[in-house]
Amino acid sequence: MRGYTYDTGAEIQERALLVSLVTDETRRSGADPQQSLEELVQLAETAGVEVAGTVMQNRDVPDTKWFVGKGKAMELKEIVLGQELTTVIFDQELSGAQVRNLEEALDAKIIDRTQLILDIFAGRAKTREGILQVELAQLTYLLPRLSGQGKNLSRLGGGIGTRGPGETKLETDRRHIRNRISELKRQLEGVLAHRNLHRERRRKTGAVQIALVGYTNAGKSTLLRQLTKADVLAENKLFATLDPTSRQLKLPSGKEVMLTDTVGFIQNLPHDLVAAFRATLEEANEADLLLHVMDASSPMRDRQREVVEEVLGELGASGKPTLMVYNKIDICSPADLGLLSGGPDAMRVSAFDPNDMERLLQRIEDKLLGSVADLRIPASRGDLAALAYRVGDVISQETEDDWLLLTVRLNENDMGKWGRPLMPYFTDSHHPQGSE
């Protein structure tokens, strides 16, 4: 069969130039433009785009017409023509007018960071809820930009920016889009009511919930697989999984809890997407414990932590009991390991180390149910014995001469509020964590 070429109809990989604008506002915010641009490269590759090059432009403020300025736009045009590129992707959000002007000047498809993320989500959504949420976010993004989407909407050959509802926008107008948005919101209200019903059932049965939260590609899905043996996708890609997955998790004591993997966060996550996925992200708000998973090997880990905490704050989940899980320590340098914080609310693990997973399970149990401690109380102090029963679960009770020997699983909050009188009676061999 040599010498023959067949057209399989497969989509040709797009080649794109990536552009970032650094403004005074960017510099004041303390954000690292280079790291953001590197993340944009990852996003583009996740969307199936071949990155031909990157350009960074410095300006005091964005140009209202050309975003990067007319002179820089002409430079971009030369690069696009010289390398025969089809797409230019910007690291910041563009207005409809800016998209239209840049399309006409560069004769290429113009995509901004928000549209790129929406496109990735469109390819990842598998459940009915996820598909509805992505379409709602896409339409909400598109509505104010209809006038700037001329060439994008006429390029029916596929590719980033045209998946999902994007392929049919040429025949729709604002009224149709608003009607569709209303219909999507109505359908999602039904999904939310169904989800709330399940949540209420879990509350009534006393089911304990744990939510995995964190930056995209921190290893949440891998941890879910390792802890629960769940058959879920775990890839070294941004947004490898989109729809939340819940599995039963058995703790060392034998108690079973529910572990849920939520969608990963990212800096500059489109507000429309946060709003559309609120029902899904609120799994974190309902959890009894958050496992905040961080990629310990990432040079951006501090900024990624801030991003996750900001989104959790938007959802009203910032005050939840949280265990910080620094993942991927197996690929960390000794210098990086030395920078990771410790303490009772943080631990370092490799998801592929069984011993680390056992330690993580024990730490989860201690956070949820409290640590186990031994008490030696005078038999005459019935008040202290009663207090021990109030601030924890007594696992065993024995008497030894004039002493009462108790093994108690302590509730940290109750112990902190009312358990101080018990402190002198803990045995040194099994002292509660953090009581000294």
Protein backbone atom coordinates (compact mmCIF):
# COMPACT_ATOMS: atom_id res chain seq x y z
CA MET A 1 0.00 0.00 0.00
CA ARG A 2 3.07 2.26 -0.12
CA GLY A 3 2.82 5.41 -2.24
CA TYR A 4 -0.84 6.02 -1.50
CA THR A 5 -2.27 8.61 0.89
CA TYR A 6 -5.79 8.33 2.27
CA ASP A 7 -7.89 11.18 3.66
CA THR A 8 -9.28 9.78 6.89
CA GLY A 9 -11.30 12.89 7.65
CA ALA A 10 -9.37 13.39 10.89
CA GLU A 11 -9.12 16.92 12.13
CA ILE A 12 -5.81 18.57 11.18
CA GLN A 13 -3.92 19.83 14.23
CA GLU A 14 -3.97 23.60 14.47
CA ARG A 15 -0.75 25.56 14.81
CA ALA A 16 -1.01 28.63 16.98
CA LEU A 17 0.95 31.63 18.18
CA LEU A 18 0.45 32.44 21.87
CA VAL A 19 0.41 36.08 22.99
CA SER A 20 0.47 37.61 26.48
CA LEU A 21 0.08 41.28 27.43
CA VAL A 22 1.83 42.53 30.57
CA THR A 23 0.26 45.73 31.93
CA ASP A 24 0.80 47.94 34.98
CA GLU A 25 -2.16 46.18 36.60
CA THR A 26 -0.47 42.81 36.02
CA ARG A 27 2.70 44.03 37.68
CA ARG A 28 0.80 45.49 40.64
CA SER A 29 -1.05 42.21 41.22
CA GLY A 30 2.23 40.35 41.77
CA ALA A 31 1.27 37.69 39.19
CA ASP A 32 4.09 36.08 37.20
CA PRO A 33 3.33 36.70 33.48
CA GLN A 34 5.90 34.13 32.35
CA GLN A 35 4.35 31.37 34.45
CA SER A 36 0.88 32.32 33.20
CA LEU A 37 2.14 32.10 29.60
CA GLU A 38 3.68 28.69 30.31
CA GLU A 39 0.32 27.57 31.67
CA LEU A 40 -1.35 28.87 28.47
CA VAL A 41 1.02 26.61 26.52
CA GLN A 42 -0.23 23.65 28.58
CA LEU A 43 -3.83 24.68 28.00
CA ALA A 44 -3.26 24.94 24.23
CA GLU A 45 -1.60 21.52 24.11
CA THR A 46 -4.45 20.07 26.17
CA ALA A 47 -6.85 21.44 23.52
CA GLY A 48 -4.86 19.63 20.81
CA VAL A 49 -3.05 22.68 19.46
CA GLU A 50 0.57 22.71 18.30
CA VAL A 51 2.26 25.78 19.80
CA ALA A 52 4.45 27.42 17.16
CA GLY A 53 5.76 30.19 19.40
CA THR A 54 5.03 32.73 22.12
CA VAL A 55 5.11 36.52 22.24
CA MET A 56 5.02 38.78 25.29
CA GLN A 57 4.12 42.47 24.96
CA ASN A 58 4.53 45.21 27.61
CA ARG A 59 2.09 48.13 27.74
CA ASP A 60 0.81 50.44 30.47
CA VAL A 61 -2.80 49.53 29.64
CA PRO A 62 -4.44 47.36 26.94
CA ASP A 63 -5.20 49.06 23.64
CA THR A 64 -8.97 49.41 23.35
CA LYS A 65 -8.97 48.58 19.62
CA TRP A 66 -6.04 46.19 19.09
CA PHE A 67 -5.38 45.03 22.67
CA VAL A 68 -1.61 44.81 22.04
CA GLY A 69 -1.43 48.02 19.98
CA LYS A 70 -1.51 48.43 16.21
CA GLY A 71 2.28 48.18 15.79
CA LYS A 72 2.50 44.90 17.67
CA ALA A 73 -0.56 43.61 15.78
CA MET A 74 1.33 44.17 12.50
CA GLU A 75 4.32 42.27 13.92
CA LEU A 76 2.01 39.39 14.82
CA LYS A 77 0.63 39.44 11.28
CA GLU A 78 4.14 38.94 9.86
CA ILE A 79 4.71 35.97 12.16
CA VAL A 80 1.33 34.43 11.24
CA LEU A 81 2.00 34.81 7.50
CA GLY A 82 5.63 33.70 7.74
CA GLN A 83 4.82 30.50 9.62
CA GLU A 84 1.44 29.90 7.94
CA LEU A 85 -0.38 29.81 11.27
CA THR A 86 -4.14 29.42 11.57
CA THR A 87 -4.74 30.62 15.11
CA VAL A 88 -3.56 33.23 17.62
CA ILE A 89 -4.35 32.62 21.30
CA PHE A 90 -4.23 35.45 23.85
CA ASP A 91 -3.54 34.88 27.55
CA GLN A 92 -6.07 37.53 28.57
CA GLU A 93 -9.77 38.01 27.89
CA LEU A 94 -10.64 40.03 24.76
CA SER A 95 -13.70 42.10 23.92
CA GLY A 96 -15.81 41.32 20.86
CA ALA A 97 -14.48 44.40 19.06
CA GLN A 98 -10.86 43.43 19.77
CA VAL A 99 -11.49 39.92 18.42
CA ARG A 100 -13.05 41.35 15.24
CA ASN A 101 -10.23 43.86 14.67
CA LEU A 102 -7.48 41.31 15.26
CA GLU A 103 -9.17 38.74 13.01
CA GLU A 104 -9.33 41.24 10.16
CA ALA A 105 -5.74 42.38 10.70
CA LEU A 106 -4.13 38.94 11.14
CA ASP A 107 -6.47 36.88 8.93
CA ALA A 108 -6.46 34.16 11.59
CA LYS A 109 -8.76 32.74 14.20
CA ILE A 110 -8.48 34.72 17.46
CA ILE A 111 -9.00 32.86 20.75
CA ASP A 112 -8.62 34.26 24.27
CA ARG A 113 -7.80 32.37 27.47
CA THR A 114 -11.44 32.12 28.55
CA GLN A 115 -12.59 30.67 25.25
CA LEU A 116 -9.70 28.19 25.30
CA ILE A 117 -10.67 26.93 28.77
CA LEU A 118 -14.32 26.70 27.73
CA ASP A 119 -13.29 24.66 24.70
CA ILE A 120 -11.34 22.21 26.85
CA PHE A 121 -14.33 21.86 29.16
CA ALA A 122 -16.58 21.23 26.16
CA GLY A 123 -14.38 18.30 25.15
CA ARG A 124 -14.20 16.91 28.70
CA ALA A 125 -17.88 17.05 29.74
CA LYS A 126 -19.47 13.61 29.66
CA THR A 127 -22.51 13.71 31.97
CA ARG A 128 -25.73 15.53 31.15
CA GLU A 129 -25.07 18.02 33.93
CA GLY A 130 -21.55 18.75 32.75
CA ILE A 131 -22.67 19.23 29.14
CA LEU A 132 -25.45 21.62 30.21
CA GLN A 133 -23.07 23.61 32.41
CA VAL A 134 -20.44 23.98 29.69
CA GLU A 135 -23.01 25.07 27.11
CA LEU A 136 -24.43 27.64 29.53
CA ALA A 137 -20.95 29.05 30.18
CA GLN A 138 -20.17 29.17 26.43
CA LEU A 139 -23.39 30.97 25.56
CA THR A 140 -23.02 33.43 28.45
CA TYR A 141 -19.49 34.18 27.21
CA LEU A 142 -20.63 34.49 23.59
CA LEU A 143 -23.69 36.70 24.03
CA PRO A 144 -21.92 40.07 24.53
CA ARG A 145 -19.35 39.17 21.83
CA LEU A 146 -21.60 38.22 18.92
CA SER A 147 -20.44 41.17 16.84
CA GLY A 148 -16.83 40.03 17.12
CA GLN A 149 -17.28 36.40 16.11
CA GLY A 150 -17.60 36.71 12.33
CA LYS A 151 -14.74 34.59 11.06
CA ASN A 152 -14.77 32.27 14.07
CA LEU A 153 -18.33 31.26 13.37
CA SER A 154 -17.80 30.80 9.65
CA ARG A 155 -14.88 28.39 10.17
CA LEU A 156 -16.94 25.23 10.32
CA GLY A 157 -13.89 22.97 9.97
CA GLY A 158 -13.79 22.47 13.73
CA GLY A 159 -10.92 23.11 16.10
CA ILE A 160 -10.64 25.10 19.30
CA GLY A 161 -13.26 27.75 19.85
CA THR A 162 -15.84 26.03 17.64
CA ARG A 163 -16.77 22.95 19.65
CA GLY A 164 -20.07 22.45 21.39
CA PRO A 165 -22.60 25.19 20.67
CA GLY A 166 -20.00 27.28 18.84
CA GLU A 167 -20.64 25.50 15.54
CA THR A 168 -24.20 26.77 15.17
CA LYS A 169 -23.89 30.39 16.29
CA LEU A 170 -23.84 31.74 12.73
CA GLU A 171 -27.58 31.04 12.42
CA THR A 172 -28.58 32.34 15.83
CA ASP A 173 -29.13 35.81 17.19
CA ARG A 174 -29.19 37.30 20.64
CA ARG A 175 -32.84 36.49 21.23
CA HIS A 176 -32.33 32.81 20.41
CA ILE A 177 -29.26 32.65 22.63
CA ARG A 178 -31.09 34.29 25.53
CA ASN A 179 -33.93 31.80 25.13
CA ARG A 180 -31.46 28.93 25.14
CA ILE A 181 -29.72 30.33 28.23
CA SER A 182 -33.07 30.49 30.02
CA GLU A 183 -33.82 26.90 29.03
CA LEU A 184 -30.39 25.70 30.21
CA LYS A 185 -30.82 27.44 33.55
CA ARG A 186 -34.24 25.81 33.93
CA GLN A 187 -32.80 22.36 33.23
CA LEU A 188 -29.89 22.95 35.60
CA GLU A 189 -32.30 23.99 38.35
CA GLY A 190 -33.84 20.53 38.02
CA VAL A 191 -30.37 18.95 38.24
CA LEU A 192 -29.58 21.09 41.29
CA ALA A 193 -32.84 20.06 42.98
CA HIS A 194 -31.96 16.40 42.34
CA ARG A 195 -28.46 16.93 43.75
CA ASN A 196 -29.84 18.72 46.83
CA LEU A 197 -32.19 15.78 47.41
CA HIS A 198 -29.21 13.42 47.46
CA ARG A 199 -27.34 15.77 49.81
CA GLU A 200 -30.30 15.87 52.17
CA ARG A 201 -30.48 12.07 52.19
CA ARG A 202 -26.77 11.88 53.01
CA ARG A 203 -27.26 14.35 55.88
CA LYS A 204 -30.13 12.30 57.31
CA THR A 205 -28.12 9.08 57.17
CA GLY A 206 -25.17 10.81 58.82
CA ALA A 207 -22.85 10.06 55.90
CA VAL A 208 -19.46 11.76 56.27
CA GLN A 209 -18.22 13.57 53.15
CA ILE A 210 -14.71 14.42 52.01
CA ALA A 211 -14.01 16.57 48.93
CA LEU A 212 -10.79 16.57 46.94
CA VAL A 213 -10.09 20.14 45.83
CA GLY A 214 -7.07 21.70 44.21
CA TYR A 215 -5.47 23.18 41.15
CA THR A 216 -5.91 21.32 37.90
CA ASN A 217 -3.37 18.51 37.37
CA ALA A 218 -2.41 18.39 41.07
CA GLY A 219 -3.21 14.67 41.17
CA LYS A 220 -6.71 14.59 42.70
CA SER A 221 -8.03 11.86 40.40
CA THR A 222 -4.90 9.77 40.96
CA LEU A 223 -5.42 10.02 44.72
CA LEU A 224 -9.06 8.97 44.30
CA ARG A 225 -7.92 5.92 42.32
CA GLN A 226 -5.25 4.95 44.84
CA LEU A 227 -7.43 5.42 47.93
CA THR A 228 -10.64 3.85 46.66
CA LYS A 229 -9.51 1.70 43.69
CA ALA A 230 -11.97 3.73 41.62
CA ASP A 231 -11.92 3.28 37.85
CA VAL A 232 -11.54 6.97 36.99
CA LEU A 233 -9.43 8.72 34.36
CA ALA A 234 -6.09 10.01 35.67
CA GLU A 235 -3.86 11.68 33.09
CA ASN A 236 -1.01 14.19 33.22
CA LYS A 237 -3.19 16.82 31.55
CA LEU A 238 -5.05 19.93 32.60
CA PHE A 239 -8.72 19.19 33.35
CA ALA A 240 -8.29 15.45 32.63
CA THR A 241 -11.55 14.90 34.51
CA LEU A 242 -14.42 17.35 34.61
CA ASP A 243 -17.48 15.66 36.07
CA PRO A 244 -17.36 14.98 39.83
CA THR A 245 -16.87 11.37 40.91
CA SER A 246 -17.83 10.01 44.35
CA ARG A 247 -16.64 6.71 45.82
CA GLN A 248 -16.84 4.95 49.17
CA LEU A 249 -13.64 5.19 51.21
CA LYS A 250 -12.90 2.79 54.09
CA LEU A 251 -10.88 4.29 56.94
CA PRO A 252 -8.48 2.24 59.12
CA SER A 253 -11.14 1.93 61.84
CA GLY A 254 -13.51 0.33 59.31
CA LYS A 255 -15.76 3.38 59.09
CA GLU A 256 -16.87 4.19 55.53
CA VAL A 257 -17.04 7.76 54.23
CA MET A 258 -17.77 9.35 50.84
CA LEU A 259 -14.82 10.76 48.87
CA THR A 260 -15.63 13.13 45.98
CA ASP A 261 -13.24 14.37 43.28
CA THR A 262 -14.18 17.89 42.12
CA VAL A 263 -13.19 19.80 38.98
CA GLY A 264 -9.73 21.37 39.13
CA PHE A 265 -9.27 25.11 39.53
CA ILE A 266 -7.05 27.39 37.46
CA GLN A 267 -6.01 31.02 37.69
CA ASN A 268 -8.27 33.42 35.84
CA LEU A 269 -10.97 30.74 35.81
CA PRO A 270 -13.81 32.31 33.80
CA HIS A 271 -16.47 33.73 36.11
CA ASP A 272 -19.16 32.36 33.79
CA LEU A 273 -17.67 28.91 34.32
CA VAL A 274 -17.57 29.29 38.12
CA ALA A 275 -21.23 30.35 38.01
CA ALA A 276 -22.25 27.52 35.69
CA PHE A 277 -20.42 24.90 37.74
CA ARG A 278 -21.56 26.23 41.10
CA ALA A 279 -23.83 23.21 41.69
CA THR A 280 -20.88 20.90 41.12
CA LEU A 281 -18.34 22.96 43.03
CA GLU A 282 -20.70 23.21 45.99
CA GLU A 283 -19.81 19.59 46.75
CA ALA A 284 -16.83 21.23 48.46
CA ASN A 285 -19.16 23.42 50.50
CA GLU A 286 -21.09 20.39 51.73
CA ALA A 287 -18.03 18.39 52.76
CA ASP A 288 -17.06 17.65 56.35
CA LEU A 289 -13.39 17.75 55.34
CA LEU A 290 -11.51 19.19 52.37
CA LEU A 291 -8.37 17.54 51.06
CA HIS A 292 -6.57 20.41 49.33
CA VAL A 293 -4.24 18.59 46.93
CA MET A 294 -1.21 20.54 45.72
CA ASP A 295 1.45 19.66 43.15
CA ALA A 296 4.51 19.91 45.39
CA SER A 297 6.81 19.86 42.34
CA SER A 298 5.24 22.92 40.68
CA PRO A 299 7.17 26.21 40.89
CA MET A 300 3.74 27.90 40.89
CA ARG A 301 2.42 26.03 43.93
CA ASP A 302 2.09 29.13 46.15
CA ARG A 303 0.07 30.99 43.51
CA GLN A 304 -1.98 27.85 42.80
CA ARG A 305 -2.81 27.57 46.50
CA GLU A 306 -4.02 31.20 46.50
CA VAL A 307 -6.21 30.56 43.44
CA VAL A 308 -7.90 27.55 45.04
CA GLU A 309 -8.47 29.44 48.30
CA GLU A 310 -9.97 32.38 46.36
CA VAL A 311 -12.47 30.14 44.55
CA LEU A 312 -13.34 28.31 47.78
CA GLY A 313 -13.96 31.73 49.32
CA GLU A 314 -16.38 32.55 46.49
CA LEU A 315 -18.24 29.32 47.26
CA GLY A 316 -18.36 30.03 50.99
CA ALA A 317 -16.19 27.00 51.79
CA SER A 318 -13.07 28.83 53.00
CA GLY A 319 -13.67 28.02 56.67
CA LYS A 320 -14.01 24.27 56.20
CA PRO A 321 -11.72 21.84 58.07
CA THR A 322 -8.89 21.26 55.59
CA LEU A 323 -5.94 18.91 55.26
CA MET A 324 -3.25 20.21 52.90
CA VAL A 325 -1.88 17.30 50.85
CA TYR A 326 1.41 18.02 49.07
CA ASN A 327 1.39 15.42 46.28
CA LYS A 328 4.12 14.33 43.83
CA ILE A 329 6.97 14.51 46.35
CA ASP A 330 8.59 11.65 44.42
CA ILE A 331 9.54 14.14 41.68
CA CYS A 332 10.49 16.99 44.04
CA SER A 333 14.03 18.23 44.55
CA PRO A 334 15.38 18.27 48.13
CA ALA A 335 15.29 22.07 47.99
CA ASP A 336 11.59 22.05 47.08
CA LEU A 337 10.79 19.58 49.85
CA GLY A 338 12.40 21.90 52.35
CA LEU A 339 10.00 24.68 51.39
CA LEU A 340 6.82 22.68 52.08
CA SER A 341 5.01 23.52 55.29
CA GLY A 342 4.23 20.81 57.84
CA GLY A 343 2.11 20.60 60.96
CA PRO A 344 -1.10 18.78 61.89
CA ASP A 345 -2.99 20.27 58.90
CA ALA A 346 -0.49 19.33 56.18
CA MET A 347 1.35 16.27 54.94
CA ARG A 348 3.60 15.23 52.05
CA VAL A 349 2.80 12.20 49.92
CA SER A 350 3.35 10.42 46.67
CA ALA A 351 0.08 8.97 45.39
CA PHE A 352 2.03 5.93 44.16
CA ASP A 353 3.56 5.09 47.56
CA PRO A 354 1.31 2.61 49.47
CA ASN A 355 2.87 3.65 52.80
CA ASP A 356 2.00 7.28 52.10
CA MET A 357 -1.58 6.28 51.29
CA GLU A 358 -1.84 4.42 54.61
CA ARG A 359 -0.53 7.49 56.45
CA LEU A 360 -2.99 9.69 54.57
CA LEU A 361 -5.92 7.46 55.51
CA GLN A 362 -4.89 7.59 59.17
CA ARG A 363 -4.55 11.37 59.05
CA ILE A 364 -7.99 11.67 57.42
CA GLU A 365 -9.46 9.51 60.19
CA ASP A 366 -7.78 11.61 62.87
CA LYS A 367 -9.11 14.83 61.28
CA LEU A 368 -12.63 13.47 60.95
CA LEU A 369 -13.02 11.35 64.03
CA GLY A 370 -10.24 12.63 66.27
CA SER A 371 -7.03 11.00 67.48
CA VAL A 372 -6.96 8.09 69.91
CA ALA A 373 -5.55 8.73 73.39
CA ASP A 374 -5.22 6.86 76.71
CA LEU A 375 -6.44 8.37 80.01
CA ARG A 376 -5.62 7.30 83.58
CA ILE A 377 -8.23 8.93 85.85
CA PRO A 378 -8.72 8.47 89.62
CA ALA A 379 -11.73 6.22 90.12
CA SER A 380 -13.16 8.79 92.53
CA ARG A 381 -13.34 11.44 89.77
CA GLY A 382 -16.58 10.47 88.11
CA ASP A 383 -16.86 14.02 86.77
CA LEU A 384 -13.71 13.54 84.68
CA ALA A 385 -14.91 10.18 83.37
CA ALA A 386 -18.19 11.79 82.33
CA LEU A 387 -16.23 14.61 80.62
CA ALA A 388 -14.19 12.04 78.67
CA TYR A 389 -17.43 10.55 77.34
CA ARG A 390 -18.64 14.02 76.31
CA VAL A 391 -15.55 15.13 74.38
CA GLY A 392 -14.92 11.83 72.59
CA ASP A 393 -15.90 8.25 71.88
CA VAL A 394 -14.71 5.87 74.59
CA ILE A 395 -13.31 2.79 72.86
CA SER A 396 -12.48 0.80 76.01
CA GLN A 397 -12.74 1.16 79.79
CA GLU A 398 -10.89 -0.82 82.49
CA THR A 399 -10.17 -0.45 86.19
CA GLU A 400 -6.81 -0.86 87.88
CA ASP A 401 -6.80 -0.51 91.67
CA ASP A 402 -8.02 3.04 92.31
CA TRP A 403 -7.66 4.12 88.67
CA LEU A 404 -9.99 4.17 85.68
CA LEU A 405 -8.20 3.42 82.38
CA LEU A 406 -9.93 4.83 79.28
CA THR A 407 -9.00 4.67 75.57
CA VAL A 408 -10.80 7.55 73.87
CA ARG A 409 -11.12 8.83 70.30
CA LEU A 410 -11.17 12.57 70.85
CA ASN A 411 -13.12 15.19 68.93
CA GLU A 412 -10.60 18.01 68.38
CA ASN A 413 -13.16 20.84 68.55
CA ASP A 414 -14.88 19.51 71.66
CA MET A 415 -11.54 18.79 73.30
CA GLY A 416 -10.39 22.35 72.67
CA LYS A 417 -13.59 23.81 74.12
CA TRP A 418 -14.23 21.66 77.19
CA GLY A 419 -11.48 19.06 77.58
CA ARG A 420 -8.72 21.02 79.31
CA PRO A 421 -9.37 19.45 82.75
CA LEU A 422 -8.45 16.07 81.24
CA MET A 423 -4.96 17.15 80.09
CA PRO A 424 -3.05 16.05 83.26
CA TYR A 425 -4.49 12.54 82.97
CA PHE A 426 -3.27 11.57 79.48
CA THR A 427 -0.60 8.88 79.60
CA ASP A 428 2.75 9.75 78.00
CA SER A 429 2.58 6.66 75.78
CA HIS A 430 -0.49 7.90 73.92
CA HIS A 431 -0.72 11.66 74.21
CA PRO A 432 -3.21 13.55 72.00
CA GLN A 433 -1.63 15.34 69.05
CA GLY A 434 -1.10 19.04 69.50
CA SER A 435 -2.02 19.11 73.22
CA GLU A 436 1.38 20.18 74.49
